[in-house]
Amino acid sequence: MTDDRLRVIHDVTDNFFFWQGLRWIPMGAAMIACAAISSPRLSFPPAQRGWIALLSFAAALWISTTVLGGYYTRHFGRVRGDASRHSLRTAVKWFVVYPAICAALVVDATFAPPLSLSGLAFAIALEAYRRSTGGGRTHYRWASIGLVAFATLPLLGLASPGKAMLAPLVGVVGFIYIVGGMLDHRELVRILAPVQEEPHVSSI
């Protein structure tokens, strides 16, 4: 086994939870469902929207943790993480990234700037997520670029700014969850696949 392969395996197992891509698919589907029921074309009363969103995320959480968590345990075993190794990442996530996303959502909904700050915040957060959880996975780079392009739609006159952008943004992020999750799972299977030993070459 080469040093490069050992380094990649270390990066993956050190961030094992975040490479279990199938876990993200139910959450992505729930986000798309929430974006769909928020569409003006569907006349759902606000109370029904709230209940549908709550039930969607509850079902997604159960599938992600119980069903798919069990799948990964059976097929890949358990990895005991060391939380102290990622204390900086955890602090940045809770005290910088999440507050920045919430602030961007509030600004977009309140002031309707011509550039979607929420889209930019999600794009930056996605690239930070990729870098801080083992690197690789270039599909997240492309997704970040796509979110930046999405954020410029109001500026280009192709979409209405403000609250009108929030539901489509949630749907786009949900789509990224689904596609990114499938590609993450494929990468996990590829990287942690058993190494085929080469047959010994003998000479007479």
N, C-alpha and C. Protein backbone atom coordinates (compact mmCIF):
# COMPACT_ATOMS: atom_id res chain seq x y z
N MET A 1 0.84 -1.18 0.00
CA MET A 1 0.00 0.00 0.00
C MET A 1 0.89 1.25 0.00
N THR A 2 0.60 2.18 -0.90
CA THR A 2 1.43 3.37 -1.02
C THR A 2 1.13 4.37 0.09
N ASP A 3 2.06 5.29 0.28
CA ASP A 3 1.86 6.33 1.29
C ASP A 3 0.66 7.20 0.95
N ASP A 4 0.46 7.48 -0.34
CA ASP A 4 -0.69 8.31 -0.74
C ASP A 4 -2.00 7.63 -0.39
N ARG A 5 -2.07 6.33 -0.64
CA ARG A 5 -3.31 5.61 -0.32
C ARG A 5 -3.55 5.57 1.19
N LEU A 6 -2.48 5.37 1.95
CA LEU A 6 -2.62 5.39 3.41
C LEU A 6 -3.10 6.76 3.90
N ARG A 7 -2.58 7.82 3.30
CA ARG A 7 -3.00 9.16 3.71
C ARG A 7 -4.48 9.39 3.40
N VAL A 8 -4.93 8.95 2.23
CA VAL A 8 -6.33 9.12 1.86
C VAL A 8 -7.23 8.32 2.80
N ILE A 9 -6.84 7.08 3.09
CA ILE A 9 -7.63 6.25 4.01
C ILE A 9 -7.69 6.91 5.39
N HIS A 10 -6.58 7.47 5.83
CA HIS A 10 -6.57 8.16 7.13
C HIS A 10 -7.53 9.35 7.10
N ASP A 11 -7.49 10.14 6.01
CA ASP A 11 -8.37 11.31 5.92
C ASP A 11 -9.84 10.90 5.94
N VAL A 12 -10.15 9.78 5.30
CA VAL A 12 -11.54 9.32 5.24
C VAL A 12 -11.99 8.79 6.59
N THR A 13 -11.20 7.92 7.19
CA THR A 13 -11.61 7.32 8.47
C THR A 13 -11.61 8.37 9.58
N ASP A 14 -10.75 9.38 9.48
CA ASP A 14 -10.73 10.44 10.48
C ASP A 14 -12.00 11.29 10.42
N ASN A 15 -12.68 11.25 9.26
CA ASN A 15 -13.93 12.00 9.06
C ASN A 15 -15.03 11.06 8.57
N PHE A 16 -15.03 9.85 9.14
CA PHE A 16 -15.83 8.76 8.58
C PHE A 16 -17.31 9.11 8.47
N PHE A 17 -17.88 9.74 9.48
CA PHE A 17 -19.31 10.06 9.45
C PHE A 17 -19.67 10.91 8.24
N PHE A 18 -18.81 11.86 7.90
CA PHE A 18 -19.13 12.80 6.83
C PHE A 18 -18.97 12.19 5.44
N TRP A 19 -18.39 11.01 5.35
CA TRP A 19 -18.26 10.34 4.06
C TRP A 19 -19.37 9.30 3.85
N GLN A 20 -20.24 9.14 4.80
CA GLN A 20 -21.35 8.20 4.66
C GLN A 20 -22.48 8.88 3.88
N GLY A 21 -22.25 8.97 2.59
CA GLY A 21 -23.07 9.83 1.75
C GLY A 21 -24.54 9.48 1.68
N LEU A 22 -24.88 8.21 1.80
CA LEU A 22 -26.29 7.84 1.70
C LEU A 22 -27.12 8.48 2.81
N ARG A 23 -26.46 8.85 3.90
CA ARG A 23 -27.18 9.50 5.00
C ARG A 23 -27.77 10.85 4.58
N TRP A 24 -27.14 11.51 3.62
CA TRP A 24 -27.58 12.87 3.24
C TRP A 24 -28.77 12.85 2.30
N ILE A 25 -29.02 11.71 1.65
CA ILE A 25 -30.08 11.67 0.63
C ILE A 25 -31.46 11.92 1.22
N PRO A 26 -31.85 11.28 2.33
CA PRO A 26 -33.18 11.59 2.90
C PRO A 26 -33.33 13.05 3.30
N MET A 27 -32.26 13.66 3.85
CA MET A 27 -32.34 15.06 4.24
C MET A 27 -32.50 15.95 3.01
N GLY A 28 -31.81 15.60 1.94
CA GLY A 28 -31.97 16.35 0.70
C GLY A 28 -33.38 16.25 0.15
N ALA A 29 -33.97 15.05 0.22
CA ALA A 29 -35.34 14.88 -0.25
C ALA A 29 -36.31 15.70 0.60
N ALA A 30 -36.07 15.76 1.91
CA ALA A 30 -36.93 16.55 2.79
C ALA A 30 -36.82 18.04 2.46
N MET A 31 -35.63 18.50 2.15
CA MET A 31 -35.44 19.90 1.78
C MET A 31 -36.16 20.23 0.48
N ILE A 32 -36.09 19.32 -0.48
CA ILE A 32 -36.79 19.55 -1.75
C ILE A 32 -38.30 19.57 -1.52
N ALA A 33 -38.79 18.67 -0.65
CA ALA A 33 -40.22 18.66 -0.34
C ALA A 33 -40.65 19.98 0.30
N CYS A 34 -39.83 20.50 1.20
CA CYS A 34 -40.16 21.78 1.85
C CYS A 34 -40.15 22.92 0.83
N ALA A 35 -39.20 22.89 -0.08
CA ALA A 35 -39.16 23.92 -1.12
C ALA A 35 -40.39 23.82 -2.02
N ALA A 36 -40.82 22.60 -2.31
CA ALA A 36 -41.97 22.41 -3.20
C ALA A 36 -43.26 22.92 -2.56
N ILE A 37 -43.48 22.62 -1.29
CA ILE A 37 -44.73 23.03 -0.65
C ILE A 37 -44.76 24.53 -0.38
N SER A 38 -43.59 25.18 -0.47
CA SER A 38 -43.54 26.63 -0.30
C SER A 38 -43.80 27.38 -1.59
N SER A 39 -43.94 26.64 -2.68
CA SER A 39 -44.17 27.28 -3.97
C SER A 39 -45.56 27.93 -4.01
N PRO A 40 -45.65 29.14 -4.56
CA PRO A 40 -46.96 29.80 -4.66
C PRO A 40 -47.96 29.01 -5.50
N ARG A 41 -47.46 28.15 -6.36
CA ARG A 41 -48.35 27.37 -7.22
C ARG A 41 -49.11 26.31 -6.43
N LEU A 42 -48.61 25.95 -5.27
CA LEU A 42 -49.28 24.96 -4.42
C LEU A 42 -49.90 25.69 -3.24
N SER A 43 -51.19 25.66 -3.17
CA SER A 43 -51.91 26.45 -2.15
C SER A 43 -52.02 25.68 -0.84
N PHE A 44 -50.87 25.46 -0.19
CA PHE A 44 -50.87 24.82 1.12
C PHE A 44 -51.03 25.90 2.19
N PRO A 45 -51.96 25.75 3.12
CA PRO A 45 -52.04 26.68 4.25
C PRO A 45 -50.75 26.63 5.06
N PRO A 46 -50.35 27.74 5.69
CA PRO A 46 -49.10 27.76 6.45
C PRO A 46 -49.01 26.67 7.51
N ALA A 47 -50.13 26.38 8.18
CA ALA A 47 -50.10 25.34 9.22
C ALA A 47 -49.76 23.98 8.62
N GLN A 48 -50.36 23.67 7.46
CA GLN A 48 -50.07 22.39 6.81
C GLN A 48 -48.62 22.33 6.34
N ARG A 49 -48.11 23.46 5.86
CA ARG A 49 -46.71 23.47 5.43
C ARG A 49 -45.79 23.13 6.61
N GLY A 50 -46.10 23.69 7.76
CA GLY A 50 -45.28 23.42 8.93
C GLY A 50 -45.30 21.96 9.32
N TRP A 51 -46.48 21.35 9.30
CA TRP A 51 -46.58 19.94 9.66
C TRP A 51 -45.90 19.04 8.64
N ILE A 52 -46.08 19.37 7.36
CA ILE A 52 -45.43 18.56 6.31
C ILE A 52 -43.92 18.65 6.43
N ALA A 53 -43.41 19.86 6.68
CA ALA A 53 -41.96 20.03 6.83
C ALA A 53 -41.46 19.25 8.05
N LEU A 54 -42.19 19.35 9.16
CA LEU A 54 -41.77 18.65 10.38
C LEU A 54 -41.75 17.14 10.17
N LEU A 55 -42.80 16.61 9.57
CA LEU A 55 -42.86 15.16 9.34
C LEU A 55 -41.81 14.71 8.34
N SER A 56 -41.55 15.53 7.33
CA SER A 56 -40.54 15.18 6.32
C SER A 56 -39.16 15.07 6.95
N PHE A 57 -38.80 16.05 7.78
CA PHE A 57 -37.48 16.01 8.39
C PHE A 57 -37.39 14.94 9.47
N ALA A 58 -38.49 14.67 10.16
CA ALA A 58 -38.48 13.59 11.16
C ALA A 58 -38.25 12.24 10.48
N ALA A 59 -38.94 12.00 9.37
CA ALA A 59 -38.76 10.75 8.63
C ALA A 59 -37.35 10.66 8.06
N ALA A 60 -36.85 11.79 7.53
CA ALA A 60 -35.50 11.80 6.97
C ALA A 60 -34.46 11.51 8.04
N LEU A 61 -34.65 12.08 9.23
CA LEU A 61 -33.70 11.86 10.32
C LEU A 61 -33.69 10.40 10.76
N TRP A 62 -34.89 9.79 10.83
CA TRP A 62 -34.98 8.39 11.22
C TRP A 62 -34.29 7.49 10.19
N ILE A 63 -34.57 7.73 8.91
CA ILE A 63 -33.95 6.91 7.86
C ILE A 63 -32.43 7.09 7.87
N SER A 64 -31.98 8.34 8.04
CA SER A 64 -30.56 8.63 8.01
C SER A 64 -29.81 7.97 9.16
N THR A 65 -30.37 8.04 10.36
CA THR A 65 -29.66 7.54 11.53
C THR A 65 -29.87 6.04 11.74
N THR A 66 -31.12 5.61 11.74
CA THR A 66 -31.43 4.22 12.08
C THR A 66 -31.17 3.28 10.91
N VAL A 67 -31.75 3.58 9.78
CA VAL A 67 -31.67 2.67 8.63
C VAL A 67 -30.28 2.73 7.99
N LEU A 68 -29.89 3.91 7.55
CA LEU A 68 -28.62 4.04 6.83
C LEU A 68 -27.42 3.98 7.77
N GLY A 69 -27.59 4.46 9.00
CA GLY A 69 -26.51 4.30 9.98
C GLY A 69 -26.22 2.84 10.24
N GLY A 70 -27.29 2.04 10.34
CA GLY A 70 -27.10 0.60 10.52
C GLY A 70 -26.44 -0.05 9.32
N TYR A 71 -26.80 0.43 8.12
CA TYR A 71 -26.18 -0.10 6.90
C TYR A 71 -24.67 0.10 6.92
N TYR A 72 -24.23 1.31 7.25
CA TYR A 72 -22.80 1.59 7.25
C TYR A 72 -22.07 0.83 8.36
N THR A 73 -22.73 0.64 9.48
CA THR A 73 -22.11 -0.15 10.55
C THR A 73 -21.90 -1.59 10.12
N ARG A 74 -22.90 -2.16 9.45
CA ARG A 74 -22.79 -3.56 9.01
C ARG A 74 -21.73 -3.74 7.93
N HIS A 75 -21.61 -2.78 7.02
CA HIS A 75 -20.73 -2.97 5.88
C HIS A 75 -19.33 -2.40 6.07
N PHE A 76 -19.17 -1.42 6.95
CA PHE A 76 -17.86 -0.79 7.11
C PHE A 76 -17.35 -0.83 8.55
N GLY A 77 -18.15 -1.31 9.48
CA GLY A 77 -17.72 -1.35 10.86
C GLY A 77 -17.87 0.01 11.54
N ARG A 78 -17.26 0.13 12.70
CA ARG A 78 -17.34 1.37 13.47
C ARG A 78 -15.96 2.03 13.53
N VAL A 79 -15.98 3.34 13.50
CA VAL A 79 -14.76 4.11 13.68
C VAL A 79 -14.96 5.01 14.88
N ARG A 80 -14.12 4.87 15.88
CA ARG A 80 -14.22 5.70 17.08
C ARG A 80 -13.47 7.00 16.83
N GLY A 81 -14.20 8.09 16.70
CA GLY A 81 -13.59 9.37 16.42
C GLY A 81 -13.02 10.02 17.66
N ASP A 82 -12.06 10.90 17.45
CA ASP A 82 -11.45 11.67 18.52
C ASP A 82 -11.91 13.12 18.36
N ALA A 83 -12.88 13.52 19.18
CA ALA A 83 -13.47 14.86 19.04
C ALA A 83 -12.44 15.96 19.23
N SER A 84 -11.41 15.71 20.02
CA SER A 84 -10.41 16.75 20.27
C SER A 84 -9.63 17.11 19.01
N ARG A 85 -9.58 16.18 18.06
CA ARG A 85 -8.86 16.46 16.81
C ARG A 85 -9.61 17.48 15.95
N HIS A 86 -10.90 17.64 16.18
CA HIS A 86 -11.70 18.51 15.33
C HIS A 86 -12.39 19.61 16.12
N SER A 87 -11.78 19.99 17.24
CA SER A 87 -12.40 21.02 18.07
C SER A 87 -12.48 22.36 17.34
N LEU A 88 -11.47 22.68 16.54
CA LEU A 88 -11.50 23.94 15.79
C LEU A 88 -12.61 23.93 14.76
N ARG A 89 -12.74 22.82 14.04
CA ARG A 89 -13.81 22.72 13.05
C ARG A 89 -15.18 22.86 13.71
N THR A 90 -15.37 22.22 14.83
CA THR A 90 -16.65 22.30 15.53
C THR A 90 -16.94 23.73 15.97
N ALA A 91 -15.93 24.41 16.50
CA ALA A 91 -16.13 25.78 16.95
C ALA A 91 -16.46 26.71 15.78
N VAL A 92 -15.75 26.56 14.67
CA VAL A 92 -16.01 27.40 13.51
C VAL A 92 -17.41 27.13 12.96
N LYS A 93 -17.80 25.87 12.96
CA LYS A 93 -19.13 25.52 12.44
C LYS A 93 -20.23 26.18 13.24
N TRP A 94 -20.15 26.09 14.57
CA TRP A 94 -21.24 26.58 15.41
C TRP A 94 -21.21 28.08 15.64
N PHE A 95 -20.01 28.66 15.63
CA PHE A 95 -19.90 30.07 15.99
C PHE A 95 -19.63 30.99 14.81
N VAL A 96 -19.34 30.41 13.64
CA VAL A 96 -19.09 31.24 12.46
C VAL A 96 -20.01 30.86 11.30
N VAL A 97 -19.95 29.59 10.88
CA VAL A 97 -20.65 29.18 9.66
C VAL A 97 -22.17 29.26 9.84
N TYR A 98 -22.70 28.59 10.85
CA TYR A 98 -24.15 28.60 11.03
C TYR A 98 -24.70 30.01 11.30
N PRO A 99 -24.07 30.81 12.17
CA PRO A 99 -24.56 32.19 12.34
C PRO A 99 -24.50 33.00 11.05
N ALA A 100 -23.46 32.79 10.24
CA ALA A 100 -23.35 33.53 8.99
C ALA A 100 -24.48 33.16 8.02
N ILE A 101 -24.82 31.88 7.96
CA ILE A 101 -25.92 31.45 7.09
C ILE A 101 -27.24 32.04 7.57
N CYS A 102 -27.47 31.98 8.89
CA CYS A 102 -28.71 32.54 9.44
C CYS A 102 -28.80 34.05 9.18
N ALA A 103 -27.67 34.75 9.36
CA ALA A 103 -27.66 36.20 9.12
C ALA A 103 -27.94 36.50 7.65
N ALA A 104 -27.36 35.71 6.75
CA ALA A 104 -27.60 35.92 5.32
C ALA A 104 -29.07 35.69 4.97
N LEU A 105 -29.68 34.67 5.56
CA LEU A 105 -31.10 34.41 5.30
C LEU A 105 -31.96 35.57 5.78
N VAL A 106 -31.64 36.12 6.95
CA VAL A 106 -32.41 37.24 7.48
C VAL A 106 -32.25 38.47 6.60
N VAL A 107 -31.02 38.74 6.17
CA VAL A 107 -30.78 39.91 5.31
C VAL A 107 -31.51 39.77 3.99
N ASP A 108 -31.45 38.59 3.38
CA ASP A 108 -32.14 38.37 2.10
C ASP A 108 -33.64 38.54 2.26
N ALA A 109 -34.20 37.99 3.33
CA ALA A 109 -35.65 38.07 3.52
C ALA A 109 -36.11 39.47 3.88
N THR A 110 -35.24 40.24 4.54
CA THR A 110 -35.65 41.57 5.02
C THR A 110 -35.38 42.67 4.01
N PHE A 111 -34.18 42.64 3.40
CA PHE A 111 -33.77 43.76 2.56
C PHE A 111 -33.76 43.43 1.06
N ALA A 112 -33.88 42.17 0.71
CA ALA A 112 -33.94 41.73 -0.70
C ALA A 112 -32.81 42.33 -1.54
N PRO A 113 -31.54 42.08 -1.19
CA PRO A 113 -30.44 42.61 -2.00
C PRO A 113 -30.41 41.95 -3.38
N PRO A 114 -29.81 42.62 -4.37
CA PRO A 114 -29.79 42.06 -5.72
C PRO A 114 -28.91 40.82 -5.85
N LEU A 115 -28.05 40.59 -4.88
CA LEU A 115 -27.21 39.40 -4.86
C LEU A 115 -27.61 38.55 -3.66
N SER A 116 -27.92 37.29 -3.90
CA SER A 116 -28.38 36.41 -2.81
C SER A 116 -27.23 36.10 -1.87
N LEU A 117 -27.24 36.72 -0.71
CA LEU A 117 -26.20 36.45 0.28
C LEU A 117 -26.31 35.03 0.81
N SER A 118 -27.52 34.51 0.86
CA SER A 118 -27.70 33.14 1.35
C SER A 118 -27.03 32.14 0.41
N GLY A 119 -27.16 32.37 -0.89
CA GLY A 119 -26.51 31.48 -1.85
C GLY A 119 -25.00 31.52 -1.71
N LEU A 120 -24.45 32.73 -1.51
CA LEU A 120 -23.01 32.85 -1.32
C LEU A 120 -22.57 32.19 -0.02
N ALA A 121 -23.37 32.36 1.04
CA ALA A 121 -23.02 31.76 2.33
C ALA A 121 -23.00 30.24 2.23
N PHE A 122 -23.98 29.66 1.56
CA PHE A 122 -24.01 28.21 1.39
C PHE A 122 -22.84 27.74 0.53
N ALA A 123 -22.46 28.53 -0.48
CA ALA A 123 -21.34 28.15 -1.35
C ALA A 123 -20.04 28.10 -0.56
N ILE A 124 -19.81 29.13 0.26
CA ILE A 124 -18.59 29.16 1.08
C ILE A 124 -18.61 28.03 2.11
N ALA A 125 -19.77 27.82 2.73
CA ALA A 125 -19.88 26.76 3.74
C ALA A 125 -19.63 25.39 3.13
N LEU A 126 -20.08 25.18 1.90
CA LEU A 126 -19.91 23.88 1.26
C LEU A 126 -18.44 23.60 0.97
N GLU A 127 -17.72 24.61 0.50
CA GLU A 127 -16.30 24.42 0.24
C GLU A 127 -15.54 24.22 1.55
N ALA A 128 -15.93 24.97 2.60
CA ALA A 128 -15.30 24.78 3.90
C ALA A 128 -15.57 23.37 4.43
N TYR A 129 -16.78 22.88 4.21
CA TYR A 129 -17.14 21.51 4.62
C TYR A 129 -16.25 20.50 3.91
N ARG A 130 -16.07 20.67 2.61
CA ARG A 130 -15.24 19.74 1.85
C ARG A 130 -13.82 19.71 2.38
N ARG A 131 -13.25 20.88 2.59
CA ARG A 131 -11.86 20.96 3.03
C ARG A 131 -11.67 20.41 4.45
N SER A 132 -12.64 20.64 5.32
CA SER A 132 -12.47 20.28 6.74
C SER A 132 -12.85 18.84 7.05
N THR A 133 -13.35 18.11 6.06
CA THR A 133 -13.77 16.73 6.31
C THR A 133 -13.02 15.72 5.44
N GLY A 134 -11.78 16.05 5.14
CA GLY A 134 -10.95 15.07 4.43
C GLY A 134 -10.58 15.45 3.02
N GLY A 135 -11.10 16.57 2.51
CA GLY A 135 -10.74 16.99 1.16
C GLY A 135 -11.33 16.09 0.10
N GLY A 136 -10.69 16.09 -1.08
CA GLY A 136 -11.20 15.28 -2.18
C GLY A 136 -12.55 15.76 -2.64
N ARG A 137 -13.34 14.86 -3.19
CA ARG A 137 -14.73 15.11 -3.57
C ARG A 137 -14.91 16.43 -4.33
N THR A 138 -14.33 16.47 -5.53
CA THR A 138 -14.38 17.70 -6.32
C THR A 138 -15.81 18.07 -6.73
N HIS A 139 -16.75 17.15 -6.57
CA HIS A 139 -18.13 17.50 -6.92
C HIS A 139 -18.65 18.63 -6.04
N TYR A 140 -18.11 18.75 -4.83
CA TYR A 140 -18.54 19.86 -3.98
C TYR A 140 -17.99 21.20 -4.46
N ARG A 141 -16.84 21.17 -5.09
CA ARG A 141 -16.33 22.41 -5.69
C ARG A 141 -17.27 22.89 -6.78
N TRP A 142 -17.69 21.97 -7.63
CA TRP A 142 -18.62 22.34 -8.69
C TRP A 142 -19.96 22.79 -8.12
N ALA A 143 -20.39 22.16 -7.05
CA ALA A 143 -21.64 22.58 -6.41
C ALA A 143 -21.51 23.99 -5.84
N SER A 144 -20.36 24.31 -5.26
CA SER A 144 -20.14 25.66 -4.74
C SER A 144 -20.18 26.69 -5.86
N ILE A 145 -19.55 26.36 -6.99
CA ILE A 145 -19.59 27.26 -8.14
C ILE A 145 -21.03 27.44 -8.61
N GLY A 146 -21.79 26.35 -8.62
CA GLY A 146 -23.19 26.44 -9.02
C GLY A 146 -24.00 27.33 -8.09
N LEU A 147 -23.72 27.27 -6.79
CA LEU A 147 -24.43 28.12 -5.83
C LEU A 147 -24.07 29.59 -6.02
N VAL A 148 -22.81 29.87 -6.35
CA VAL A 148 -22.42 31.25 -6.63
C VAL A 148 -23.18 31.76 -7.85
N ALA A 149 -23.28 30.93 -8.89
CA ALA A 149 -24.04 31.32 -10.07
C ALA A 149 -25.51 31.54 -9.73
N PHE A 150 -26.06 30.67 -8.88
CA PHE A 150 -27.45 30.82 -8.45
C PHE A 150 -27.65 32.14 -7.71
N ALA A 151 -26.66 32.52 -6.90
CA ALA A 151 -26.77 33.75 -6.12
C ALA A 151 -26.82 35.00 -6.99
N THR A 152 -26.30 34.91 -8.20
CA THR A 152 -26.27 36.08 -9.09
C THR A 152 -27.53 36.22 -9.93
N LEU A 153 -28.46 35.28 -9.87
CA LEU A 153 -29.65 35.34 -10.72
C LEU A 153 -30.46 36.62 -10.53
N PRO A 154 -30.71 37.08 -9.29
CA PRO A 154 -31.43 38.36 -9.16
C PRO A 154 -30.66 39.53 -9.75
N LEU A 155 -29.36 39.53 -9.60
CA LEU A 155 -28.53 40.60 -10.14
C LEU A 155 -28.63 40.66 -11.66
N LEU A 156 -28.78 39.49 -12.29
CA LEU A 156 -28.90 39.42 -13.75
C LEU A 156 -30.33 39.59 -14.23
N GLY A 157 -31.25 39.79 -13.31
CA GLY A 157 -32.65 39.95 -13.69
C GLY A 157 -33.35 38.66 -14.06
N LEU A 158 -32.79 37.54 -13.65
CA LEU A 158 -33.37 36.24 -14.01
C LEU A 158 -34.21 35.65 -12.89
N ALA A 159 -34.25 36.31 -11.74
CA ALA A 159 -35.06 35.84 -10.61
C ALA A 159 -35.37 37.02 -9.73
N SER A 160 -36.44 36.89 -8.95
CA SER A 160 -36.81 37.95 -8.02
C SER A 160 -35.97 37.84 -6.76
N PRO A 161 -35.47 38.96 -6.23
CA PRO A 161 -34.66 38.90 -5.01
C PRO A 161 -35.52 38.73 -3.77
N GLY A 162 -34.87 38.53 -2.64
CA GLY A 162 -35.58 38.47 -1.37
C GLY A 162 -36.14 37.11 -1.06
N LYS A 163 -37.32 37.11 -0.44
CA LYS A 163 -37.93 35.87 0.02
C LYS A 163 -38.20 34.90 -1.13
N ALA A 164 -38.44 35.44 -2.31
CA ALA A 164 -38.75 34.57 -3.46
C ALA A 164 -37.59 33.64 -3.80
N MET A 165 -36.37 34.00 -3.38
CA MET A 165 -35.20 33.17 -3.69
C MET A 165 -34.96 32.08 -2.66
N LEU A 166 -35.57 32.21 -1.49
CA LEU A 166 -35.21 31.31 -0.40
C LEU A 166 -35.69 29.88 -0.63
N ALA A 167 -36.93 29.72 -1.04
CA ALA A 167 -37.44 28.36 -1.28
C ALA A 167 -36.68 27.66 -2.40
N PRO A 168 -36.44 28.31 -3.56
CA PRO A 168 -35.62 27.65 -4.58
C PRO A 168 -34.22 27.32 -4.07
N LEU A 169 -33.65 28.19 -3.24
CA LEU A 169 -32.32 27.91 -2.70
C LEU A 169 -32.33 26.64 -1.85
N VAL A 170 -33.35 26.49 -1.01
CA VAL A 170 -33.46 25.28 -0.20
C VAL A 170 -33.57 24.05 -1.09
N GLY A 171 -34.33 24.16 -2.19
CA GLY A 171 -34.44 23.05 -3.12
C GLY A 171 -33.12 22.72 -3.79
N VAL A 172 -32.36 23.75 -4.17
CA VAL A 172 -31.05 23.53 -4.80
C VAL A 172 -30.10 22.86 -3.82
N VAL A 173 -30.08 23.33 -2.57
CA VAL A 173 -29.21 22.71 -1.56
C VAL A 173 -29.64 21.26 -1.31
N GLY A 174 -30.95 21.00 -1.30
CA GLY A 174 -31.42 19.63 -1.17
C GLY A 174 -30.95 18.75 -2.30
N PHE A 175 -30.97 19.28 -3.52
CA PHE A 175 -30.47 18.53 -4.68
C PHE A 175 -28.99 18.23 -4.52
N ILE A 176 -28.22 19.21 -4.01
CA ILE A 176 -26.79 18.98 -3.78
C ILE A 176 -26.60 17.89 -2.73
N TYR A 177 -27.44 17.88 -1.71
CA TYR A 177 -27.36 16.82 -0.70
C TYR A 177 -27.52 15.44 -1.36
N ILE A 178 -28.48 15.32 -2.25
CA ILE A 178 -28.76 14.02 -2.86
C ILE A 178 -27.63 13.58 -3.78
N VAL A 179 -27.26 14.45 -4.71
CA VAL A 179 -26.20 14.10 -5.67
C VAL A 179 -24.86 13.95 -4.95
N GLY A 180 -24.55 14.90 -4.07
CA GLY A 180 -23.30 14.81 -3.33
C GLY A 180 -23.24 13.57 -2.45
N GLY A 181 -24.37 13.21 -1.86
CA GLY A 181 -24.40 12.01 -1.03
C GLY A 181 -24.11 10.75 -1.82
N MET A 182 -24.70 10.65 -3.01
CA MET A 182 -24.45 9.47 -3.85
C MET A 182 -22.98 9.40 -4.26
N LEU A 183 -22.41 10.55 -4.63
CA LEU A 183 -21.00 10.56 -5.04
C LEU A 183 -20.07 10.32 -3.86
N ASP A 184 -20.44 10.83 -2.68
CA ASP A 184 -19.65 10.55 -1.48
C ASP A 184 -19.61 9.05 -1.19
N HIS A 185 -20.76 8.41 -1.30
CA HIS A 185 -20.83 6.97 -1.05
C HIS A 185 -19.97 6.21 -2.06
N ARG A 186 -20.02 6.62 -3.29
CA ARG A 186 -19.20 5.95 -4.30
C ARG A 186 -17.72 6.11 -3.99
N GLU A 187 -17.32 7.31 -3.54
CA GLU A 187 -15.93 7.53 -3.17
C GLU A 187 -15.53 6.70 -1.96
N LEU A 188 -16.44 6.60 -0.98
CA LEU A 188 -16.14 5.81 0.21
C LEU A 188 -15.91 4.34 -0.15
N VAL A 189 -16.78 3.80 -0.99
CA VAL A 189 -16.63 2.40 -1.40
C VAL A 189 -15.34 2.21 -2.18
N ARG A 190 -15.01 3.16 -3.03
CA ARG A 190 -13.78 3.04 -3.83
C ARG A 190 -12.53 3.10 -2.94
N ILE A 191 -12.51 4.04 -1.99
CA ILE A 191 -11.31 4.24 -1.18
C ILE A 191 -11.11 3.12 -0.17
N LEU A 192 -12.18 2.64 0.44
CA LEU A 192 -12.06 1.61 1.47
C LEU A 192 -12.24 0.20 0.93
N ALA A 193 -12.23 0.05 -0.38
CA ALA A 193 -12.31 -1.30 -0.95
C ALA A 193 -11.04 -2.07 -0.59
N PRO A 194 -11.16 -3.39 -0.42
CA PRO A 194 -9.97 -4.17 -0.09
C PRO A 194 -8.90 -4.04 -1.16
N VAL A 195 -7.66 -4.02 -0.73
CA VAL A 195 -6.53 -3.94 -1.66
C VAL A 195 -6.27 -5.33 -2.21
N GLN A 196 -6.21 -5.43 -3.53
CA GLN A 196 -5.91 -6.71 -4.17
C GLN A 196 -4.40 -6.92 -4.18
N GLU A 197 -3.98 -7.97 -3.52
CA GLU A 197 -2.55 -8.25 -3.50
C GLU A 197 -2.10 -8.79 -4.85
N GLU A 198 -0.95 -8.29 -5.29
CA GLU A 198 -0.41 -8.77 -6.54
C GLU A 198 0.23 -10.15 -6.33
N PRO A 199 0.06 -11.04 -7.29
CA PRO A 199 0.68 -12.36 -7.14
C PRO A 199 2.20 -12.23 -7.14
N HIS A 200 2.83 -13.04 -6.32
CA HIS A 200 4.28 -13.01 -6.25
C HIS A 200 4.87 -13.55 -7.54
N VAL A 201 5.88 -12.88 -8.00
CA VAL A 201 6.55 -13.29 -9.24
C VAL A 201 7.78 -14.11 -8.85
N SER A 202 7.84 -15.29 -9.36
CA SER A 202 8.99 -16.14 -9.05
C SER A 202 9.74 -16.46 -10.34
N SER A 203 10.99 -16.69 -10.22
CA SER A 203 11.80 -17.03 -11.37
C SER A 203 12.47 -18.38 -11.14
N ILE A 204 12.71 -19.06 -12.22
CA ILE A 204 13.34 -20.37 -12.13
C ILE A 204 14.78 -20.25 -12.64
